[in-house]
Amino acid sequence: MACNAGTTESSPGAAGTSPPPKKKLKGLAAVLSHIEEQPNHESDLLSPREKLNIEISSYLDMASIEMDADPLDWWKVEHSHFPHLAQLARKYLCVCGTSVPSERMFSLAGHITNGRSRLLPENVNKLVFLARNM
């Protein structure tokens, strides 16, 4: 009888419990998650991966822009042809207006190396990368 009482309290379907909050997606996963949300009547039969492959192939088949051209201007014009790649371009081609991210990176490296003076620099770089991107 004690076992039944314990299982009803900890069961996931018990009244008063809510599902865990969804994890915020980052980078490419965030862009890919929007593919399924955007209806496209022309390609309803294609999977999200196929839609993205077509978009990437079309982008790679295009001619390169001039060396003195502004890539952000190009993406502003072409964003309707490559909506998912344009999201990535906006994220990775923009310039950060503050020094806060770099200061956070130095702080993170300081926390990782605190008391670990024997870590090789390449291992510190790997640990910082993993801590920042996971």
Protein backbone atom coordinates (compact mmCIF):
# COMPACT_ATOMS: atom_id res chain seq x y z
CA MET A 1 0.00 0.00 0.00
CA ALA A 2 2.91 2.37 0.73
CA CYS A 3 4.29 1.69 -2.74
CA ASN A 4 1.08 2.78 -4.45
CA ALA A 5 0.96 6.04 -2.52
CA GLY A 6 4.55 6.82 -3.49
CA THR A 7 4.04 6.10 -7.17
CA THR A 8 0.97 8.30 -7.55
CA GLU A 9 2.83 11.30 -6.13
CA SER A 10 5.82 10.94 -8.43
CA SER A 11 4.00 9.90 -11.59
CA PRO A 12 4.42 12.34 -14.49
CA GLY A 13 0.68 12.46 -15.18
CA ALA A 14 -0.27 13.44 -11.63
CA ALA A 15 -2.55 16.45 -11.27
CA GLY A 16 -0.79 19.73 -10.57
CA THR A 17 2.42 18.90 -12.39
CA SER A 18 3.45 20.62 -15.58
CA PRO A 19 5.79 19.40 -18.29
CA PRO A 20 9.38 20.64 -18.08
CA PRO A 21 10.07 23.87 -20.00
CA LYS A 22 11.39 23.47 -23.52
CA LYS A 23 15.09 24.04 -23.99
CA LYS A 24 15.90 27.14 -26.05
CA LEU A 25 17.41 26.11 -29.35
CA LYS A 26 20.61 27.74 -30.57
CA GLY A 27 22.34 28.20 -33.90
CA LEU A 28 21.36 25.94 -36.74
CA ALA A 29 18.88 24.01 -34.61
CA ALA A 30 16.89 27.22 -34.05
CA VAL A 31 16.83 27.92 -37.78
CA LEU A 32 15.86 24.37 -38.66
CA SER A 33 13.01 24.37 -36.16
CA HIS A 34 11.34 27.21 -38.08
CA ILE A 35 11.23 25.23 -41.33
CA GLU A 36 8.32 23.11 -40.14
CA GLU A 37 6.43 26.17 -38.89
CA GLN A 38 6.49 27.99 -42.24
CA PRO A 39 3.91 26.61 -44.69
CA ASN A 40 5.08 26.36 -48.27
CA HIS A 41 2.37 25.09 -50.60
CA GLU A 42 4.79 24.36 -53.43
CA SER A 43 6.81 21.89 -51.40
CA ASP A 44 4.30 20.37 -48.98
CA LEU A 45 5.55 16.93 -49.98
CA LEU A 46 9.18 17.71 -49.04
CA SER A 47 10.64 17.07 -45.62
CA PRO A 48 12.31 19.95 -43.74
CA ARG A 49 15.72 18.48 -44.48
CA GLU A 50 14.92 18.31 -48.21
CA LYS A 51 13.71 21.93 -48.20
CA LEU A 52 16.95 23.03 -46.57
CA ASN A 53 19.05 20.95 -48.98
CA ILE A 54 17.30 22.60 -51.94
CA GLU A 55 17.89 26.04 -50.42
CA ILE A 56 21.58 25.31 -49.85
CA SER A 57 22.02 23.85 -53.34
CA SER A 58 20.38 26.90 -54.92
CA TYR A 59 22.65 29.17 -52.90
CA LEU A 60 25.78 27.26 -53.90
CA ASP A 61 24.78 27.38 -57.58
CA MET A 62 24.64 31.19 -57.56
CA ALA A 63 27.52 33.32 -58.76
CA SER A 64 29.75 34.91 -56.11
CA ILE A 65 29.30 38.57 -55.27
CA GLU A 66 31.97 41.15 -56.06
CA MET A 67 34.85 41.40 -53.60
CA ASP A 68 33.97 45.00 -52.71
CA ALA A 69 30.23 44.29 -52.26
CA ASP A 70 28.58 44.31 -48.84
CA PRO A 71 27.38 40.80 -47.91
CA LEU A 72 24.67 42.19 -45.62
CA ASP A 73 23.21 44.21 -48.52
CA TRP A 74 23.24 41.08 -50.68
CA TRP A 75 21.39 39.11 -48.02
CA LYS A 76 18.86 41.93 -47.63
CA VAL A 77 18.01 41.57 -51.34
CA GLU A 78 18.14 37.75 -51.45
CA HIS A 79 16.49 36.91 -48.11
CA SER A 80 13.24 35.93 -49.81
CA HIS A 81 15.06 33.29 -51.90
CA PHE A 82 17.04 31.89 -48.98
CA PRO A 83 15.03 32.56 -45.80
CA HIS A 84 16.80 30.06 -43.54
CA LEU A 85 20.29 30.87 -44.73
CA ALA A 86 19.48 34.58 -44.39
CA GLN A 87 18.70 34.02 -40.70
CA LEU A 88 22.13 32.45 -40.24
CA ALA A 89 23.77 35.28 -42.19
CA ARG A 90 22.11 37.89 -39.97
CA LYS A 91 23.33 36.05 -36.90
CA TYR A 92 26.93 35.40 -37.96
CA LEU A 93 27.74 38.35 -40.25
CA CYS A 94 26.68 41.06 -37.83
CA VAL A 95 29.18 42.95 -35.70
CA CYS A 96 28.69 42.89 -31.96
CA GLY A 97 28.13 46.42 -30.64
CA THR A 98 29.60 45.78 -27.19
CA SER A 99 32.58 44.06 -25.65
CA VAL A 100 30.41 42.05 -23.23
CA PRO A 101 30.63 38.72 -25.13
CA SER A 102 34.42 38.87 -25.27
CA GLU A 103 34.59 39.79 -21.58
CA ARG A 104 32.33 36.84 -20.78
CA MET A 105 34.65 34.58 -22.76
CA PHE A 106 37.69 35.74 -20.76
CA SER A 107 35.75 35.31 -17.53
CA LEU A 108 34.72 31.79 -18.56
CA ALA A 109 38.33 30.93 -19.40
CA GLY A 110 39.37 32.25 -15.99
CA HIS A 111 36.81 30.03 -14.27
CA ILE A 112 37.96 26.99 -16.24
CA THR A 113 41.66 27.54 -15.52
CA ASN A 114 41.18 28.50 -11.86
CA GLY A 115 43.34 26.00 -9.96
CA ARG A 116 44.24 24.09 -13.14
CA SER A 117 47.52 25.67 -14.12
CA ARG A 118 48.71 22.53 -15.93
CA LEU A 119 46.05 22.66 -18.66
CA LEU A 120 47.54 23.06 -22.10
CA PRO A 121 46.31 26.11 -24.05
CA GLU A 122 44.67 23.96 -26.73
CA ASN A 123 42.75 22.07 -24.02
CA VAL A 124 41.61 25.35 -22.47
CA ASN A 125 40.40 26.47 -25.92
CA LYS A 126 38.45 23.24 -26.32
CA LEU A 127 36.88 23.51 -22.87
CA VAL A 128 35.88 27.14 -23.47
CA PHE A 129 34.38 26.19 -26.82
CA LEU A 130 32.40 23.33 -25.29
CA ALA A 131 31.20 25.42 -22.35
CA ARG A 132 30.07 28.23 -24.67
CA ASN A 133 28.37 26.06 -27.30
CA MET A 134 26.64 23.40 -25.26
